[in-house]
Amino acid sequence: MNKSNRAAVVTAILAFALTACGKDPASAQSNAAMIQSEPEAPLTTVYVNADIVTVNTAQPSADAVAVRDGEILAVGTRTAVEAASGNNTETRDLLGKTLLPGLIDAHGHISMTNQMQTSANVSSPPVGPANTIEDILTLLREHQEKMPDQSWLTGWGYDDSLLAEQRHPTKADLDKVSTELPIALQHVSGHFTTCNSRCLELAGINAETEDPQGGIIRRIAGSREPDGVLEETAAGLVRFAMPQPKPDDMLALFDATQQYYASNGITTVQDGANMAEQFELLKAAGKQGLLYLDVVAYAFAPYMKDKLEEYPPSKNYQGHFRIGGIKLVLDGSPQGKTAWLTKPYLHPPHGQAEDYVGYPTLTDEQVAGFFDYAYTNDVPVLAHANGDAASDQMINAVMAANEKYGKGDRRSVMIHAQTVREDQIDQMVAQDIIPSYFVVHTFYWGDWHRDSVFGVERASRISPLRSSTDKGLRYTIHNDTPIVPPDMMRLLWSAANRETRSGKVLGVEQQATVMEGIRAMTIDAAYQYFEEGSKGSIEVGKKADFVILDENPLKIDPGKIKDVVVLETIKEGRTVFKK
């Protein structure tokens, strides 16, 4: 019924009622005019004919979901949901597809991912085309031709474990592209940078430069001359020498970056190690209305220690942006063989002794100091710990802080937690530490871990999901984008199958169920962020964050989950991606 017809009917009803009461029917005209001028009830969208996975244990499935003003209004049978929706409704028939809560990026780096758009993709398949060092040099030359005005030539994602030469490119290799233009390549792990001669010169790195704490400048054999490969904190010497990108250029890239995440069903994204420049950029993006996915950012504490109080955490989003806490990095990467272990690597990296176990980034005293700051200021902590020695360092710091300040609902997160032992899982349960497992390592580097990094026994229990569930330890899983693409279906497939590149299963006893994997990307990830009250499941009152899939991962062969297609991503009731 349109507004004019509605007003006429109301006028007639009021006139009849008022006449019966002995009142002037003319007053009905003003009442009708008032009703006619009232706005229509808010539009409600009702999703029907879908395989709805609510991730709500009290109501695991439903026939329909109603959304109004970006929030979930009703969940249940179609009859009940439509009855609760009012008259101003729009029905969306999902044609039997699957509806899940919006997926949550439990750890990653959206600012780094944004900036990587300006770098050459020198990754190996399936992420990029580089199979040899010569391929990398060709890709750099092609990138230089496409972007000739750049003052530095940069590349992202090379992987020595997948290159035919089984080594890092060196300055001797990169000098073949240019000795005048500085060239810097980021390793796929994010824990190495390799440079040409001009890059090293601008960063002030030479034979006299000492290794910084928590890093190594690799040298040409038999000399002190840098070979171009920089590990861990040594790589920071180059990053701080590089010119900062222009803020307007970075802001212009945010839409494409968010589409990259949204196309994988993600509605909440992390920025896991920010400096002041990244904070200011994200704040500006929020104020300008450029963000439509929620972004939670964490200060890179060791480099921000003098400015941490300028960027305190907040529980509320401003323009889809908020600060979540601080980030520590306690060691390196297992694929790069810089993770800090308690037992030696199976095959140590070139130039290291047989008892090499990697090394820490921070001292115990430094880590304790950051936890003191966090606990006294109610600041959540993320701590990168790949090796079990680094995990010991974090657990000991949390244990001491809990004893000193008393236990509270702090939800400290161990990022990656690749090699945690059974006894450490018990300690994490006792200390309320949440591991966020980089379980897709089983695919990308599983063969490398088995044959070169850890050996069969240790490699078979990286990202120990089954042990964690069995011991009652809540966990999340992540892709650490841009380390690997934000492919949430491959991540879920990895959690359930643990299949390597070569098609072998790495640790069948640590496989998760598909539902456990879904929870790790939805409600448990929301819990990690202290947002379980507003996200992570399809429940009344929560944000209408959804992903629509072409198949239900719970009902297909687990081996085919990586092929499930994201058809649409909805953020607070608004479609932000549609295939």
Protein backbone atom coordinates (compact mmCIF):
# COMPACT_ATOMS: atom_id res chain seq x y z
CA MET A 1 0.00 0.00 0.00
CA ASN A 2 1.48 3.38 -0.97
CA LYS A 3 1.48 6.41 1.33
CA SER A 4 -1.52 8.22 -0.25
CA ASN A 5 -3.76 5.13 -0.09
CA ARG A 6 -2.56 4.45 3.45
CA ALA A 7 -3.45 8.00 4.49
CA ALA A 8 -6.92 7.76 2.91
CA VAL A 9 -7.69 4.54 4.74
CA VAL A 10 -6.45 6.01 8.01
CA THR A 11 -8.54 9.14 7.47
CA ALA A 12 -11.70 7.08 6.95
CA ILE A 13 -11.03 4.93 10.01
CA LEU A 14 -10.33 7.96 12.21
CA ALA A 15 -13.40 9.78 10.92
CA PHE A 16 -15.65 6.83 11.73
CA ALA A 17 -14.11 6.43 15.17
CA LEU A 18 -14.31 10.10 16.03
CA THR A 19 -17.95 10.40 14.85
CA ALA A 20 -18.84 7.45 17.04
CA CYS A 21 -17.20 9.25 19.95
CA GLY A 22 -19.02 12.52 19.25
CA LYS A 23 -15.87 14.35 18.12
CA ASP A 24 -15.18 16.46 15.05
CA PRO A 25 -14.20 14.26 12.09
CA ALA A 26 -12.18 17.15 10.69
CA SER A 27 -9.50 16.42 13.27
CA ALA A 28 -8.91 13.15 11.45
CA GLN A 29 -7.39 15.11 8.56
CA SER A 30 -4.57 16.45 10.72
CA ASN A 31 -3.93 13.03 12.25
CA ALA A 32 -3.81 11.44 8.81
CA ALA A 33 -1.40 14.11 7.63
CA MET A 34 0.82 13.36 10.60
CA ILE A 35 0.79 9.63 9.82
CA GLN A 36 1.43 10.30 6.14
CA SER A 37 4.50 12.37 7.00
CA GLU A 38 5.96 9.69 9.28
CA PRO A 39 8.92 7.90 7.69
CA GLU A 40 8.54 4.32 6.60
CA ALA A 41 9.78 1.68 9.01
CA PRO A 42 13.48 0.85 8.44
CA LEU A 43 14.09 -1.62 5.66
CA THR A 44 14.69 -5.17 6.87
CA THR A 45 16.50 -7.69 4.68
CA VAL A 46 15.49 -11.31 5.17
CA TYR A 47 17.91 -13.98 3.95
CA VAL A 48 16.15 -17.23 3.05
CA ASN A 49 16.77 -20.51 1.22
CA ALA A 50 20.32 -20.82 2.51
CA ASP A 51 22.40 -23.38 4.36
CA ILE A 52 22.94 -21.16 7.41
CA VAL A 53 25.88 -22.03 9.69
CA THR A 54 25.40 -19.76 12.71
CA VAL A 55 28.48 -20.85 14.73
CA ASN A 56 26.18 -20.44 17.73
CA THR A 57 26.13 -23.63 19.79
CA ALA A 58 22.72 -22.70 21.25
CA GLN A 59 21.24 -22.46 17.73
CA PRO A 60 23.63 -24.17 15.26
CA SER A 61 21.42 -23.70 12.20
CA ALA A 62 18.47 -21.65 11.02
CA ASP A 63 16.13 -21.27 8.06
CA ALA A 64 16.27 -17.47 7.83
CA VAL A 65 18.08 -14.39 9.11
CA ALA A 66 16.73 -10.83 9.26
CA VAL A 67 18.99 -7.76 9.19
CA ARG A 68 18.09 -4.17 10.00
CA ASP A 69 20.40 -1.15 10.28
CA GLY A 70 23.49 -3.35 9.95
CA GLU A 71 22.57 -5.64 12.83
CA ILE A 72 20.99 -9.06 13.05
CA LEU A 73 17.33 -8.65 13.98
CA ALA A 74 16.12 -12.26 14.00
CA VAL A 75 17.42 -15.79 13.44
CA GLY A 76 15.27 -18.91 13.20
CA THR A 77 12.48 -20.41 11.16
CA ARG A 78 11.37 -18.43 8.14
CA THR A 79 7.91 -17.92 9.63
CA ALA A 80 9.28 -16.54 12.91
CA VAL A 81 11.89 -14.36 11.22
CA GLU A 82 9.41 -12.85 8.78
CA ALA A 83 6.97 -12.18 11.62
CA ALA A 84 9.69 -10.27 13.47
CA SER A 85 10.72 -8.29 10.40
CA GLY A 86 7.74 -5.97 9.96
CA ASN A 87 6.17 -4.86 6.69
CA ASN A 88 9.06 -2.98 5.08
CA THR A 89 11.12 -5.99 4.07
CA GLU A 90 13.31 -7.16 1.24
CA THR A 91 13.69 -10.91 0.79
CA ARG A 92 16.99 -12.31 -0.49
CA ASP A 93 16.78 -15.82 -1.85
CA LEU A 94 20.28 -17.32 -1.56
CA LEU A 95 19.35 -20.23 -3.83
CA GLY A 96 20.65 -22.89 -1.50
CA LYS A 97 24.12 -21.39 -1.00
CA THR A 98 25.85 -21.31 2.38
CA LEU A 99 25.78 -18.37 4.79
CA LEU A 100 28.48 -18.08 7.48
CA PRO A 101 29.52 -15.28 9.83
CA GLY A 102 32.05 -12.90 8.28
CA LEU A 103 35.56 -14.35 8.57
CA ILE A 104 38.07 -12.69 10.88
CA ASP A 105 41.76 -12.19 10.14
CA ALA A 106 43.33 -13.26 13.45
CA HIS A 107 46.79 -12.04 12.42
CA GLY A 108 48.18 -10.13 9.47
CA HIS A 109 49.43 -6.80 8.20
CA ILE A 110 47.02 -4.77 6.09
CA SER A 111 49.33 -1.72 5.83
CA MET A 112 52.19 -3.90 4.56
CA THR A 113 49.79 -5.63 2.18
CA ASN A 114 48.66 -2.22 0.94
CA GLN A 115 52.21 -1.08 0.30
CA MET A 116 53.16 -4.35 -1.41
CA GLN A 117 51.03 -3.28 -4.38
CA THR A 118 53.92 -1.03 -5.41
CA SER A 119 56.50 -3.86 -5.29
CA ALA A 120 57.37 -6.57 -7.79
CA ASN A 121 55.87 -9.96 -6.97
CA VAL A 122 58.92 -12.22 -6.84
CA SER A 123 57.13 -15.08 -5.04
CA SER A 124 57.22 -18.69 -6.13
CA PRO A 125 54.11 -20.61 -7.27
CA PRO A 126 51.24 -20.63 -6.48
CA VAL A 127 51.60 -17.02 -5.28
CA GLY A 128 54.02 -15.78 -7.96
CA PRO A 129 56.04 -16.93 -10.98
CA ALA A 130 59.63 -17.07 -9.62
CA ASN A 131 61.29 -20.49 -9.75
CA THR A 132 64.90 -19.32 -10.06
CA ILE A 133 67.02 -16.32 -9.10
CA GLU A 134 67.20 -15.42 -12.78
CA ASP A 135 63.38 -15.30 -12.79
CA ILE A 136 63.56 -12.80 -9.93
CA LEU A 137 66.00 -10.59 -11.85
CA THR A 138 63.73 -10.67 -14.90
CA LEU A 139 60.70 -9.73 -12.78
CA LEU A 140 62.63 -6.80 -11.27
CA ARG A 141 63.60 -5.49 -14.69
CA GLU A 142 59.98 -5.75 -15.88
CA HIS A 143 58.75 -3.96 -12.77
CA GLN A 144 61.27 -1.18 -13.27
CA GLU A 145 59.96 -0.65 -16.82
CA LYS A 146 56.39 -0.42 -15.50
CA MET A 147 57.28 2.01 -12.69
CA PRO A 148 60.35 3.91 -13.92
CA ASP A 149 59.91 6.87 -11.56
CA GLN A 150 60.44 4.91 -8.32
CA SER A 151 63.53 5.96 -6.35
CA TRP A 152 63.92 2.39 -5.01
CA LEU A 153 63.25 -0.89 -6.79
CA THR A 154 61.53 -3.27 -4.39
CA GLY A 155 60.27 -6.83 -4.56
CA TRP A 156 58.24 -8.98 -2.23
CA GLY A 157 57.98 -12.68 -1.43
CA TYR A 158 61.11 -14.47 -2.66
CA ASP A 159 61.46 -17.91 -1.05
CA ASP A 160 64.88 -19.54 -0.96
CA SER A 161 63.30 -22.88 0.00
CA LEU A 162 61.45 -22.98 -3.33
CA LEU A 163 64.07 -21.49 -5.67
CA ALA A 164 66.07 -23.94 -7.77
CA GLU A 165 69.31 -22.57 -6.29
CA GLN A 166 68.07 -23.19 -2.71
CA ARG A 167 69.61 -19.92 -1.51
CA HIS A 168 68.88 -16.24 -1.03
CA PRO A 169 69.64 -13.79 -3.84
CA THR A 170 72.72 -11.73 -2.89
CA LYS A 171 74.02 -8.27 -3.75
CA ALA A 172 76.08 -9.90 -6.52
CA ASP A 173 72.85 -11.15 -8.11
CA LEU A 174 70.92 -7.90 -7.68
CA ASP A 175 73.78 -5.76 -8.96
CA LYS A 176 73.14 -7.40 -12.35
CA VAL A 177 69.88 -5.44 -12.49
CA SER A 178 71.39 -2.14 -11.31
CA THR A 179 74.28 -0.77 -9.28
CA GLU A 180 72.88 2.78 -9.33
CA LEU A 181 69.26 2.21 -8.27
CA PRO A 182 68.87 0.77 -4.75
CA ILE A 183 67.19 -2.64 -4.78
CA ALA A 184 65.64 -4.32 -1.75
CA LEU A 185 63.78 -7.62 -1.73
CA GLN A 186 61.63 -8.87 1.16
CA HIS A 187 61.72 -12.57 1.96
CA VAL A 188 58.37 -14.34 2.02
CA SER A 189 58.65 -14.69 5.80
CA GLY A 190 59.09 -10.94 6.28
CA HIS A 191 62.19 -11.70 8.36
CA PHE A 192 64.92 -11.15 5.74
CA THR A 193 65.81 -8.36 3.34
CA THR A 194 68.36 -8.81 0.58
CA CYS A 195 70.01 -5.79 -1.04
CA ASN A 196 72.18 -4.71 -3.90
CA SER A 197 75.34 -2.68 -3.30
CA ARG A 198 73.60 0.71 -3.60
CA CYS A 199 70.95 -0.34 -1.06
CA LEU A 200 73.62 -1.37 1.47
CA GLU A 201 75.46 1.90 0.91
CA LEU A 202 72.36 4.02 1.58
CA ALA A 203 71.59 1.98 4.71
CA GLY A 204 75.14 2.52 5.98
CA ILE A 205 75.95 -1.18 6.06
CA ASN A 206 79.55 -2.15 5.37
CA ALA A 207 82.35 -4.38 6.64
CA GLU A 208 82.70 -2.30 9.82
CA THR A 209 78.98 -2.49 10.70
CA GLU A 210 78.33 -4.70 13.71
CA ASP A 211 75.35 -7.05 13.88
CA PRO A 212 72.47 -5.36 15.74
CA GLN A 213 70.83 -7.06 18.72
CA GLY A 214 68.50 -9.75 17.42
CA GLY A 215 69.84 -9.72 13.86
CA ILE A 216 72.66 -10.86 11.58
CA ILE A 217 74.37 -9.20 8.62
CA ARG A 218 75.47 -12.12 6.47
CA ARG A 219 79.01 -11.86 5.14
CA ILE A 220 80.89 -13.10 2.09
CA ALA A 221 82.72 -16.27 3.13
CA GLY A 222 86.13 -15.57 4.63
CA SER A 223 85.54 -11.83 5.02
CA ARG A 224 83.55 -9.16 6.85
CA GLU A 225 82.07 -7.86 3.60
CA PRO A 226 78.22 -7.99 3.64
CA ASP A 227 76.80 -10.32 0.99
CA GLY A 228 73.49 -8.43 0.89
CA VAL A 229 71.34 -10.77 3.02
CA LEU A 230 70.09 -9.24 6.27
CA GLU A 231 68.35 -11.25 9.00
CA GLU A 232 65.72 -10.04 11.46
CA THR A 233 66.57 -6.67 13.08
CA ALA A 234 69.42 -6.17 10.61
CA ALA A 235 66.78 -5.90 7.89
CA GLY A 236 65.34 -2.94 9.80
CA LEU A 237 68.47 -0.95 8.95
CA VAL A 238 67.32 -0.93 5.33
CA ARG A 239 63.64 -0.36 6.02
CA PHE A 240 64.40 2.79 7.99
CA ALA A 241 66.69 4.02 5.19
CA MET A 242 64.01 3.68 2.52
CA PRO A 243 61.89 6.73 1.70
CA GLN A 244 58.41 6.66 3.21
CA PRO A 245 55.60 6.27 0.66
CA LYS A 246 53.37 9.30 0.14
CA PRO A 247 50.25 9.07 2.33
CA ASP A 248 47.91 10.06 -0.51
CA ASP A 249 49.34 7.29 -2.69
CA MET A 250 48.79 4.73 0.06
CA LEU A 251 45.25 5.97 0.79
CA ALA A 252 44.40 5.56 -2.89
CA LEU A 253 45.32 1.87 -2.69
CA PHE A 254 43.12 0.96 0.28
CA ASP A 255 40.05 0.08 -1.77
CA ALA A 256 41.93 -2.53 -3.82
CA THR A 257 43.56 -3.90 -0.65
CA GLN A 258 40.22 -4.24 1.14
CA GLN A 259 38.75 -5.95 -1.91
CA TYR A 260 41.63 -8.44 -1.72
CA TYR A 261 40.56 -9.35 1.81
CA ALA A 262 36.80 -9.13 1.21
CA SER A 263 37.05 -11.43 -1.82
CA ASN A 264 38.15 -14.08 0.65
CA GLY A 265 35.18 -13.54 2.98
CA ILE A 266 37.04 -11.40 5.52
CA THR A 267 35.18 -8.61 7.34
CA THR A 268 37.71 -7.82 10.12
CA VAL A 269 41.42 -7.33 9.36
CA GLN A 270 44.50 -6.98 11.57
CA ASP A 271 47.49 -4.67 11.23
CA GLY A 272 49.97 -6.53 13.36
CA ALA A 273 53.06 -4.34 13.84
CA ASN A 274 52.49 -0.63 13.31
CA MET A 275 54.72 2.39 13.49
CA ALA A 276 53.32 5.89 13.94
CA GLU A 277 53.14 6.40 10.17
CA GLN A 278 50.84 3.42 9.69
CA PHE A 279 48.62 4.49 12.59
CA GLU A 280 48.23 7.96 11.15
CA LEU A 281 47.48 6.57 7.70
CA LEU A 282 44.76 4.27 9.03
CA LYS A 283 43.29 7.06 11.17
CA ALA A 284 43.15 9.26 8.08
CA ALA A 285 41.54 6.47 6.05
CA GLY A 286 38.91 6.07 8.75
CA LYS A 287 38.17 9.78 8.96
CA GLN A 288 37.86 10.02 5.18
CA GLY A 289 35.43 7.11 5.07
CA LEU A 290 37.81 4.96 3.03
CA LEU A 291 37.59 1.91 5.29
CA TYR A 292 34.63 -0.46 5.04
CA LEU A 293 36.24 -3.47 6.71
CA ASP A 294 37.02 -3.27 10.42
CA VAL A 295 40.76 -2.82 11.01
CA VAL A 296 42.41 -3.55 14.39
CA ALA A 297 46.01 -2.29 14.64
CA TYR A 298 48.80 -3.03 17.13
CA ALA A 299 51.84 -0.88 17.91
CA PHE A 300 55.22 -2.44 17.19
CA ALA A 301 56.31 -1.89 20.76
CA PRO A 302 60.14 -2.20 20.55
CA TYR A 303 60.24 0.54 17.91
CA MET A 304 57.38 2.61 19.38
CA LYS A 305 58.31 2.54 23.07
CA ASP A 306 58.65 6.34 23.32
CA LYS A 307 55.26 6.87 21.63
CA LEU A 308 53.13 4.04 22.98
CA GLU A 309 51.09 6.34 25.20
CA GLU A 310 50.16 8.40 22.12
CA TYR A 311 48.43 5.35 20.62
CA PRO A 312 46.42 3.71 23.42
CA PRO A 313 44.04 0.83 22.69
CA SER A 314 40.35 1.50 22.22
CA LYS A 315 37.33 -0.81 22.38
CA ASN A 316 35.39 1.25 19.85
CA TYR A 317 35.90 1.69 16.12
CA GLN A 318 36.16 5.15 14.57
CA GLY A 319 35.50 4.93 10.85
CA HIS A 320 36.10 1.14 11.03
CA PHE A 321 39.49 1.63 12.73
CA ARG A 322 40.66 1.00 16.27
CA ILE A 323 43.91 0.29 18.10
CA GLY A 324 43.99 -3.13 19.74
CA GLY A 325 47.21 -3.10 21.80
CA ILE A 326 50.92 -3.77 21.30
CA LYS A 327 52.95 -6.30 19.32
CA LEU A 328 56.28 -7.93 20.22
CA VAL A 329 58.49 -10.08 17.99
CA LEU A 330 60.46 -12.60 20.05
CA ASP A 331 62.21 -14.56 17.29
CA GLY A 332 62.32 -15.19 13.56
CA SER A 333 60.82 -17.65 11.10
CA PRO A 334 61.20 -21.43 10.88
CA GLN A 335 61.23 -21.43 7.08
CA GLY A 336 64.09 -18.93 7.24
CA LYS A 337 65.73 -20.92 10.07
CA THR A 338 65.87 -17.94 12.43
CA ALA A 339 63.13 -19.15 14.83
CA TRP A 340 64.49 -19.70 18.34
CA LEU A 341 64.36 -23.40 19.26
CA THR A 342 65.37 -25.50 22.26
CA LYS A 343 66.79 -28.25 20.00
CA PRO A 344 68.99 -27.75 16.91
CA TYR A 345 67.70 -27.45 13.36
CA LEU A 346 67.81 -30.62 11.30
CA HIS A 347 70.06 -28.89 8.75
CA PRO A 348 71.39 -25.55 10.04
CA PRO A 349 71.65 -22.64 7.61
CA HIS A 350 74.88 -22.13 5.70
CA GLY A 351 77.75 -21.09 7.95
CA GLN A 352 76.12 -22.19 11.23
CA ALA A 353 77.27 -25.01 13.53
CA GLU A 354 75.39 -28.26 14.03
CA ASP A 355 74.11 -27.08 17.42
CA TYR A 356 72.52 -23.92 15.93
CA VAL A 357 69.06 -23.23 17.42
CA GLY A 358 68.27 -19.78 16.04
CA TYR A 359 68.24 -16.77 18.35
CA PRO A 360 66.00 -14.38 20.29
CA THR A 361 65.09 -10.88 19.18
CA LEU A 362 64.63 -9.41 22.66
CA THR A 363 66.18 -10.20 26.05
CA ASP A 364 64.09 -11.66 28.87
CA GLU A 365 64.38 -8.32 30.68
CA GLN A 366 63.07 -6.40 27.68
CA VAL A 367 60.10 -8.75 27.29
CA ALA A 368 59.30 -8.51 31.01
CA GLY A 369 59.41 -4.72 30.74
CA PHE A 370 56.86 -4.67 27.94
CA PHE A 371 54.51 -6.95 29.88
CA ASP A 372 54.88 -4.68 32.91
CA TYR A 373 53.83 -1.74 30.74
CA ALA A 374 50.92 -3.69 29.24
CA TYR A 375 49.58 -5.06 32.53
CA THR A 376 49.76 -1.71 34.34
CA ASN A 377 48.03 0.11 31.48
CA ASP A 378 45.43 -2.54 30.51
CA VAL A 379 46.99 -2.99 27.07
CA PRO A 380 46.49 -6.32 25.20
CA VAL A 381 49.67 -8.00 23.93
CA LEU A 382 50.42 -9.98 20.79
CA ALA A 383 53.80 -11.72 20.86
CA HIS A 384 55.29 -13.39 17.79
CA ALA A 385 56.89 -16.66 18.91
CA ASN A 386 57.67 -19.33 16.32
CA GLY A 387 60.26 -21.45 18.10
CA ASP A 388 59.58 -23.25 21.37
CA ALA A 389 62.37 -21.31 23.12
CA ALA A 390 60.62 -18.07 22.17
CA SER A 391 57.36 -19.60 23.40
CA ASP A 392 59.07 -20.33 26.73
CA GLN A 393 60.14 -16.70 26.91
CA MET A 394 56.59 -15.44 26.43
CA ILE A 395 55.01 -17.97 28.78
CA ASN A 396 57.54 -17.11 31.50
CA ALA A 397 56.87 -13.39 31.04
CA VAL A 398 53.10 -13.87 31.27
CA MET A 399 53.48 -16.17 34.28
CA ALA A 400 55.62 -13.59 36.11
CA ALA A 401 53.26 -10.73 35.21
CA ASN A 402 50.20 -12.69 36.32
CA GLU A 403 51.88 -13.45 39.64
CA LYS A 404 52.92 -9.80 40.06
CA TYR A 405 49.69 -8.11 39.02
CA GLY A 406 47.10 -10.85 39.44
CA LYS A 407 45.31 -12.74 36.69
CA GLY A 408 42.71 -10.91 34.68
CA ASP A 409 40.87 -11.16 31.40
CA ARG A 410 43.86 -10.08 29.28
CA ARG A 411 43.79 -12.62 26.42
CA SER A 412 47.50 -12.38 25.58
CA VAL A 413 48.08 -13.90 22.14
CA MET A 414 51.04 -16.00 21.02
CA ILE A 415 51.33 -15.31 17.30
CA HIS A 416 52.26 -18.35 15.15
CA ALA A 417 53.14 -20.68 18.08
CA GLN A 418 54.50 -23.07 15.46
CA THR A 419 56.46 -25.44 17.68
CA VAL A 420 54.76 -25.32 21.07
CA ARG A 421 55.27 -28.49 23.07
CA GLU A 422 52.64 -30.42 25.01
CA ASP A 423 53.88 -29.03 28.34
CA GLN A 424 53.67 -25.52 26.90
CA ILE A 425 50.05 -26.06 25.87
CA ASP A 426 49.30 -26.98 29.49
CA GLN A 427 51.01 -23.78 30.63
CA MET A 428 49.10 -21.70 28.09
CA VAL A 429 45.82 -23.09 29.41
CA ALA A 430 46.86 -22.19 32.95
CA GLN A 431 47.98 -18.67 31.98
CA ASP A 432 45.08 -17.90 29.60
CA ILE A 433 47.33 -17.44 26.56
CA ILE A 434 45.62 -17.75 23.18
CA PRO A 435 47.76 -19.22 20.37
CA SER A 436 47.05 -17.98 16.87
CA TYR A 437 48.39 -20.78 14.69
CA PHE A 438 49.90 -20.24 11.24
CA VAL A 439 48.57 -23.66 10.22
CA VAL A 440 48.77 -23.02 6.48
CA HIS A 441 52.52 -23.56 6.95
CA THR A 442 51.68 -27.25 6.57
CA PHE A 443 50.97 -26.56 2.90
CA TYR A 444 53.41 -23.80 1.97
CA TRP A 445 56.47 -25.11 3.86
CA GLY A 446 55.46 -28.50 5.21
CA ASP A 447 57.85 -30.46 2.99
CA TRP A 448 60.68 -28.02 3.78
CA HIS A 449 60.01 -28.28 7.52
CA ARG A 450 60.00 -32.08 7.39
CA ASP A 451 63.09 -32.51 5.22
CA SER A 452 65.30 -29.56 6.18
CA VAL A 453 64.07 -27.56 9.18
CA PHE A 454 62.77 -29.89 11.90
CA GLY A 455 62.73 -33.49 10.76
CA VAL A 456 59.64 -35.71 10.68
CA GLU A 457 58.80 -35.82 14.40
CA ARG A 458 58.87 -32.09 15.12
CA ALA A 459 57.46 -31.07 11.73
CA SER A 460 54.47 -33.38 12.21
CA ARG A 461 53.28 -31.41 15.21
CA ILE A 462 53.69 -27.81 14.06
CA SER A 463 50.47 -25.88 14.76
CA PRO A 464 49.17 -28.58 17.13
CA LEU A 465 45.44 -27.95 16.75
CA ARG A 466 44.22 -31.33 18.03
CA SER A 467 46.38 -31.20 21.14
CA SER A 468 45.10 -27.69 21.85
CA THR A 469 41.45 -28.69 21.53
CA ASP A 470 41.92 -31.83 23.59
CA LYS A 471 43.53 -29.80 26.39
CA GLY A 472 40.84 -27.14 26.31
CA LEU A 473 43.02 -24.39 24.79
CA ARG A 474 41.05 -21.92 22.66
CA TYR A 475 42.97 -20.94 19.52
CA THR A 476 42.68 -19.01 16.26
CA ILE A 477 44.28 -19.54 12.84
CA HIS A 478 45.63 -17.05 10.33
CA ASN A 479 47.42 -16.46 7.01
CA ASP A 480 49.73 -13.62 8.16
CA THR A 481 49.01 -11.77 4.91
CA PRO A 482 51.00 -10.58 2.97
CA ILE A 483 53.24 -13.52 3.92
CA VAL A 484 50.70 -15.71 2.12
CA PRO A 485 47.43 -14.61 0.45
CA PRO A 486 44.35 -14.17 2.70
CA ASP A 487 42.81 -17.35 1.28
CA MET A 488 40.55 -18.43 4.15
CA MET A 489 39.31 -21.55 2.41
CA ARG A 490 42.88 -22.81 1.92
CA LEU A 491 43.51 -21.95 5.59
CA LEU A 492 40.47 -24.00 6.65
CA TRP A 493 41.52 -26.82 4.31
CA SER A 494 45.00 -26.80 5.89
CA ALA A 495 43.59 -27.01 9.41
CA ALA A 496 41.44 -30.02 8.49
CA ASN A 497 43.86 -31.83 6.14
CA ARG A 498 47.46 -30.70 6.86
CA GLU A 499 48.46 -31.59 3.32
CA THR A 500 51.83 -30.40 1.97
CA ARG A 501 52.72 -29.16 -1.51
CA SER A 502 53.77 -32.70 -2.41
CA GLY A 503 50.38 -34.09 -1.35
CA LYS A 504 51.63 -35.77 1.82
CA VAL A 505 49.88 -35.37 5.17
CA LEU A 506 52.05 -33.74 7.83
CA GLY A 507 50.84 -34.89 11.24
CA VAL A 508 47.43 -36.48 10.80
CA GLU A 509 47.10 -36.65 14.59
CA GLN A 510 47.01 -32.82 14.75
CA GLN A 511 44.17 -32.31 12.26
CA ALA A 512 41.21 -30.20 13.37
CA THR A 513 37.59 -30.87 12.52
CA VAL A 514 36.09 -28.54 9.93
CA MET A 515 33.83 -26.97 12.54
CA GLU A 516 36.80 -26.33 14.83
CA GLY A 517 38.54 -24.59 11.95
CA ILE A 518 35.48 -22.45 11.22
CA ARG A 519 35.24 -21.44 14.88
CA ALA A 520 38.93 -20.47 14.84
CA MET A 521 38.18 -18.00 12.00
CA THR A 522 34.93 -16.65 13.46
CA ILE A 523 33.77 -16.75 17.09
CA ASP A 524 37.16 -17.67 18.59
CA ALA A 525 38.88 -14.97 16.53
CA ALA A 526 36.24 -12.50 17.74
CA TYR A 527 37.03 -13.60 21.31
CA GLN A 528 40.73 -12.96 20.70
CA TYR A 529 39.79 -9.34 19.87
CA PHE A 530 37.39 -9.00 22.86
CA GLU A 531 34.60 -8.71 20.26
CA GLU A 532 32.67 -11.94 20.77
CA GLY A 533 29.67 -9.90 21.88
CA SER A 534 29.32 -8.22 18.50
CA LYS A 535 30.90 -10.57 15.94
CA GLY A 536 31.84 -14.13 15.10
CA SER A 537 28.42 -15.80 15.01
CA ILE A 538 24.99 -15.24 13.51
CA GLU A 539 23.05 -14.16 16.60
CA VAL A 540 20.47 -11.47 17.33
CA GLY A 541 22.09 -8.14 18.16
CA LYS A 542 25.44 -8.85 16.50
CA LYS A 543 26.80 -7.09 13.44
CA ALA A 544 25.43 -8.39 10.16
CA ASP A 545 28.85 -9.56 8.96
CA PHE A 546 28.39 -12.51 6.59
CA VAL A 547 30.10 -14.50 3.87
CA ILE A 548 28.17 -16.44 1.22
CA LEU A 549 29.90 -19.58 -0.11
CA ASP A 550 29.01 -21.75 -3.08
CA GLU A 551 29.23 -24.89 -0.90
CA ASN A 552 29.04 -25.77 2.78
CA PRO A 553 32.52 -26.79 4.02
CA LEU A 554 30.86 -28.96 6.66
CA LYS A 555 29.06 -31.07 4.06
CA ILE A 556 31.71 -31.73 1.41
CA ASP A 557 34.83 -33.86 1.24
CA PRO A 558 37.36 -31.99 3.47
CA GLY A 559 39.93 -32.40 0.72
CA LYS A 560 37.87 -30.09 -1.50
CA ILE A 561 37.45 -27.22 0.95
CA LYS A 562 40.22 -25.17 -0.68
CA ASP A 563 38.09 -25.06 -3.84
CA VAL A 564 35.03 -23.54 -2.12
CA VAL A 565 34.26 -20.16 -3.71
CA VAL A 566 33.42 -16.94 -1.86
CA LEU A 567 30.42 -15.53 -3.72
CA GLU A 568 29.70 -12.48 -1.59
CA THR A 569 30.93 -10.70 1.52
CA ILE A 570 28.56 -8.56 3.58
CA LYS A 571 29.74 -6.06 6.18
CA GLU A 572 27.09 -4.73 8.56
CA GLY A 573 24.36 -5.55 6.09
CA ARG A 574 26.10 -4.00 3.08
CA THR A 575 27.63 -6.00 0.26
CA VAL A 576 31.34 -5.13 0.05
CA PHE A 577 32.32 -7.87 -2.40
CA LYS A 578 30.35 -9.84 -4.96
CA LYS A 579 31.83 -12.30 -7.40
